[in-house]
C-alpha atoms as a PDB file:
ATOM      1  CA  UNK A   1     -70.678  68.171-102.044  1.00  0.00           C
ATOM      2  CA  UNK A   2     -67.208  68.512-100.146  1.00  0.00           C
ATOM      3  CA  UNK A   3     -68.766  72.383 -99.905  1.00  0.00           C
ATOM      4  CA  UNK A   4     -72.177  71.458 -97.976  1.00  0.00           C
ATOM      5  CA  UNK A   5     -70.577  68.324 -96.181  1.00  0.00           C
ATOM      6  CA  UNK A   6     -68.538  71.074 -94.498  1.00  0.00           C
ATOM      7  CA  UNK A   7     -71.011  73.816 -94.316  1.00  0.00           C
ATOM      8  CA  UNK A   8     -73.082  70.837 -92.352  1.00  0.00           C
ATOM      9  CA  UNK A   9     -69.977  70.041 -89.741  1.00  0.00           C
ATOM     10  CA  UNK A  10     -69.887  74.345 -89.394  1.00  0.00           C
ATOM     11  CA  UNK A  11     -73.815  73.962 -88.443  1.00  0.00           C
ATOM     12  CA  UNK A  12     -73.312  71.097 -85.978  1.00  0.00           C
ATOM     13  CA  UNK A  13     -70.657  73.208 -84.338  1.00  0.00           C
ATOM     14  CA  UNK A  14     -73.198  76.112 -84.543  1.00  0.00           C
ATOM     15  CA  UNK A  15     -75.745  74.139 -83.154  1.00  0.00           C
ATOM     16  CA  UNK A  16     -73.421  73.453 -80.324  1.00  0.00           C
ATOM     17  CA  UNK A  17     -72.928  76.975 -79.371  1.00  0.00           C
ATOM     18  CA  UNK A  18     -76.504  78.214 -79.471  1.00  0.00           C
ATOM     19  CA  UNK A  19     -77.340  75.531 -76.925  1.00  0.00           C
ATOM     20  CA  UNK A  20     -75.249  77.289 -74.626  1.00  0.00           C
ATOM     21  CA  UNK A  21     -76.775  80.344 -75.253  1.00  0.00           C
ATOM     22  CA  UNK A  22     -80.135  78.679 -74.505  1.00  0.00           C
ATOM     23  CA  UNK A  23     -78.972  77.521 -71.576  1.00  0.00           C
ATOM     24  CA  UNK A  24     -77.999  80.774 -70.502  1.00  0.00           C
ATOM     25  CA  UNK A  25     -81.198  82.219 -71.423  1.00  0.00           C
ATOM     26  CA  UNK A  26     -83.335  79.908 -70.035  1.00  0.00           C
ATOM     27  CA  UNK A  27     -81.473  80.559 -66.795  1.00  0.00           C
ATOM     28  CA  UNK A  28     -81.164  84.470 -66.818  1.00  0.00           C
ATOM     29  CA  UNK A  29     -84.940  84.078 -67.899  1.00  0.00           C
ATOM     30  CA  UNK A  30     -85.925  83.205 -63.662  1.00  0.00           C
ATOM     31  CA  UNK A  31     -86.063  85.498 -60.984  1.00  0.00           C
ATOM     32  CA  UNK A  32     -84.831  86.251 -57.920  1.00  0.00           C
ATOM     33  CA  UNK A  33     -81.778  87.871 -59.399  1.00  0.00           C
ATOM     34  CA  UNK A  34     -79.363  85.742 -57.590  1.00  0.00           C
ATOM     35  CA  UNK A  35     -81.238  82.526 -59.083  1.00  0.00           C
ATOM     36  CA  UNK A  36     -81.011  83.839 -62.500  1.00  0.00           C
ATOM     37  CA  UNK A  37     -77.403  84.367 -62.023  1.00  0.00           C
ATOM     38  CA  UNK A  38     -76.626  81.299 -60.603  1.00  0.00           C
ATOM     39  CA  UNK A  39     -78.798  79.420 -63.543  1.00  0.00           C
ATOM     40  CA  UNK A  40     -77.162  81.318 -66.305  1.00  0.00           C
ATOM     41  CA  UNK A  41     -73.575  79.997 -65.367  1.00  0.00           C
ATOM     42  CA  UNK A  42     -73.833  76.462 -64.277  1.00  0.00           C
ATOM     43  CA  UNK A  43     -76.296  74.486 -66.812  1.00  0.00           C
ATOM     44  CA  UNK A  44     -74.248  75.962 -69.405  1.00  0.00           C
ATOM     45  CA  UNK A  45     -71.262  75.074 -67.411  1.00  0.00           C
ATOM     46  CA  UNK A  46     -72.223  71.535 -66.876  1.00  0.00           C
ATOM     47  CA  UNK A  47     -73.556  71.042 -70.516  1.00  0.00           C
ATOM     48  CA  UNK A  48     -70.368  72.203 -71.712  1.00  0.00           C
ATOM     49  CA  UNK A  49     -68.565  69.505 -68.806  1.00  0.00           C
ATOM     50  CA  UNK A  50     -70.851  66.871 -70.241  1.00  0.00           C
ATOM     51  CA  UNK A  51     -70.316  67.595 -74.319  1.00  0.00           C
ATOM     52  CA  UNK A  52     -66.888  68.297 -73.849  1.00  0.00           C
ATOM     53  CA  UNK A  53     -66.135  64.674 -71.938  1.00  0.00           C
ATOM     54  CA  UNK A  54     -68.773  62.354 -73.779  1.00  0.00           C
ATOM     55  CA  UNK A  55     -69.055  64.157 -76.951  1.00  0.00           C
ATOM     56  CA  UNK A  56     -66.391  65.895 -78.283  1.00  0.00           C
ATOM     57  CA  UNK A  57     -63.935  64.101 -81.135  1.00  0.00           C
ATOM     58  CA  UNK A  58     -60.699  64.501 -79.195  1.00  0.00           C
ATOM     59  CA  UNK A  59     -62.099  63.334 -75.808  1.00  0.00           C
ATOM     60  CA  UNK A  60     -60.472  60.414 -74.497  1.00  0.00           C
ATOM     61  CA  UNK A  61     -64.212  59.178 -72.858  1.00  0.00           C
ATOM     62  CA  UNK A  62     -66.063  59.688 -75.659  1.00  0.00           C
ATOM     63  CA  UNK A  63     -68.979  58.131 -75.980  1.00  0.00           C
ATOM     64  CA  UNK A  64     -69.981  54.999 -78.647  1.00  0.00           C
ATOM     65  CA  UNK A  65     -71.360  56.278 -81.876  1.00  0.00           C
ATOM     66  CA  UNK A  66     -74.962  55.621 -81.355  1.00  0.00           C
ATOM     67  CA  UNK A  67     -74.674  56.340 -77.409  1.00  0.00           C
ATOM     68  CA  UNK A  68     -73.442  59.814 -78.219  1.00  0.00           C
ATOM     69  CA  UNK A  69     -75.678  60.610 -81.119  1.00  0.00           C
ATOM     70  CA  UNK A  70     -78.395  59.720 -78.565  1.00  0.00           C
ATOM     71  CA  UNK A  71     -76.563  62.000 -76.259  1.00  0.00           C
ATOM     72  CA  UNK A  72     -75.948  64.435 -78.604  1.00  0.00           C
ATOM     73  CA  UNK A  73     -79.221  64.815 -79.769  1.00  0.00           C
ATOM     74  CA  UNK A  74     -80.955  64.560 -76.150  1.00  0.00           C
ATOM     75  CA  UNK A  75     -79.060  67.982 -75.538  1.00  0.00           C
ATOM     76  CA  UNK A  76     -80.131  69.472 -78.436  1.00  0.00           C
ATOM     77  CA  UNK A  77     -83.541  68.856 -77.638  1.00  0.00           C
ATOM     78  CA  UNK A  78     -83.137  70.256 -73.854  1.00  0.00           C
ATOM     79  CA  UNK A  79     -81.881  73.594 -75.354  1.00  0.00           C
ATOM     80  CA  UNK A  80     -85.376  73.456 -77.566  1.00  0.00           C
ATOM     81  CA  UNK A  81     -87.159  72.963 -74.409  1.00  0.00           C
ATOM     82  CA  UNK A  82     -85.152  76.018 -72.335  1.00  0.00           C
ATOM     83  CA  UNK A  83     -85.394  78.242 -75.116  1.00  0.00           C
ATOM     84  CA  UNK A  84     -89.211  77.225 -74.950  1.00  0.00           C
ATOM     85  CA  UNK A  85     -89.764  77.114 -71.303  1.00  0.00           C
ATOM     86  CA  UNK A  86     -88.064  80.343 -70.925  1.00  0.00           C
ATOM     87  CA  UNK A  87     -90.366  82.026 -73.737  1.00  0.00           C
ATOM     88  CA  UNK A  88     -88.802  82.224 -76.756  1.00  0.00           C
ATOM     89  CA  UNK A  89     -91.175  79.617 -78.857  1.00  0.00           C
ATOM     90  CA  UNK A  90     -90.683  80.326 -81.931  1.00  0.00           C
ATOM     91  CA  UNK A  91     -86.448  80.273 -81.777  1.00  0.00           C
ATOM     92  CA  UNK A  92     -86.883  76.656 -79.590  1.00  0.00           C
ATOM     93  CA  UNK A  93     -88.809  75.023 -82.103  1.00  0.00           C
ATOM     94  CA  UNK A  94     -86.858  76.411 -84.891  1.00  0.00           C
ATOM     95  CA  UNK A  95     -83.745  75.494 -83.252  1.00  0.00           C
ATOM     96  CA  UNK A  96     -85.152  71.791 -82.728  1.00  0.00           C
ATOM     97  CA  UNK A  97     -86.232  71.323 -86.649  1.00  0.00           C
ATOM     98  CA  UNK A  98     -82.445  72.878 -87.318  1.00  0.00           C
ATOM     99  CA  UNK A  99     -80.448  69.990 -85.085  1.00  0.00           C
ATOM    100  CA  UNK A 100     -83.228  67.563 -86.748  1.00  0.00           C
ATOM    101  CA  UNK A 101     -82.194  68.320 -90.131  1.00  0.00           C
ATOM    102  CA  UNK A 102     -78.244  68.656 -89.336  1.00  0.00           C
ATOM    103  CA  UNK A 103     -78.572  65.364 -87.475  1.00  0.00           C
ATOM    104  CA  UNK A 104     -80.075  63.399 -90.442  1.00  0.00           C
ATOM    105  CA  UNK A 105     -77.376  64.846 -93.323  1.00  0.00           C
ATOM    106  CA  UNK A 106     -74.530  64.069 -90.383  1.00  0.00           C
ATOM    107  CA  UNK A 107     -76.168  60.286 -91.267  1.00  0.00           C
ATOM    108  CA  UNK A 108     -76.586  60.776 -94.715  1.00  0.00           C
ATOM    109  CA  UNK A 109     -73.430  62.014 -95.199  1.00  0.00           C
ATOM    110  CA  UNK A 110     -71.413  59.673 -93.363  1.00  0.00           C
ATOM    111  CA  UNK A 111     -70.301  62.445 -90.312  1.00  0.00           C
ATOM    112  CA  UNK A 112     -71.634  60.570 -87.288  1.00  0.00           C
ATOM    113  CA  UNK A 113     -68.222  60.088 -86.231  1.00  0.00           C
ATOM    114  CA  UNK A 114     -67.036  64.114 -86.361  1.00  0.00           C
END
């Protein structure tokens, strides 16, 4: 069971990294090129900053659990929408499903504080 719990925490971290990539992909899908470059840098940077301030385990301003879980799921949902909006529909849906399963397992394993 300990291995499954560790794998689930690893999956959450992977979901965070894929969210960054999804925002880069969405930004890069725009035109003209200058807009694509700006969005591909600014949107992921905003996500990283917000996550670091409100969701990171060691943040001094980390949100309370109920609010943080909603914030995290909202971020993952936005990443799924970004993938779908950029034309990667199957990837967006798959990402949303994996994020939902991960959240359910985090709750079941008592890992919501992680």
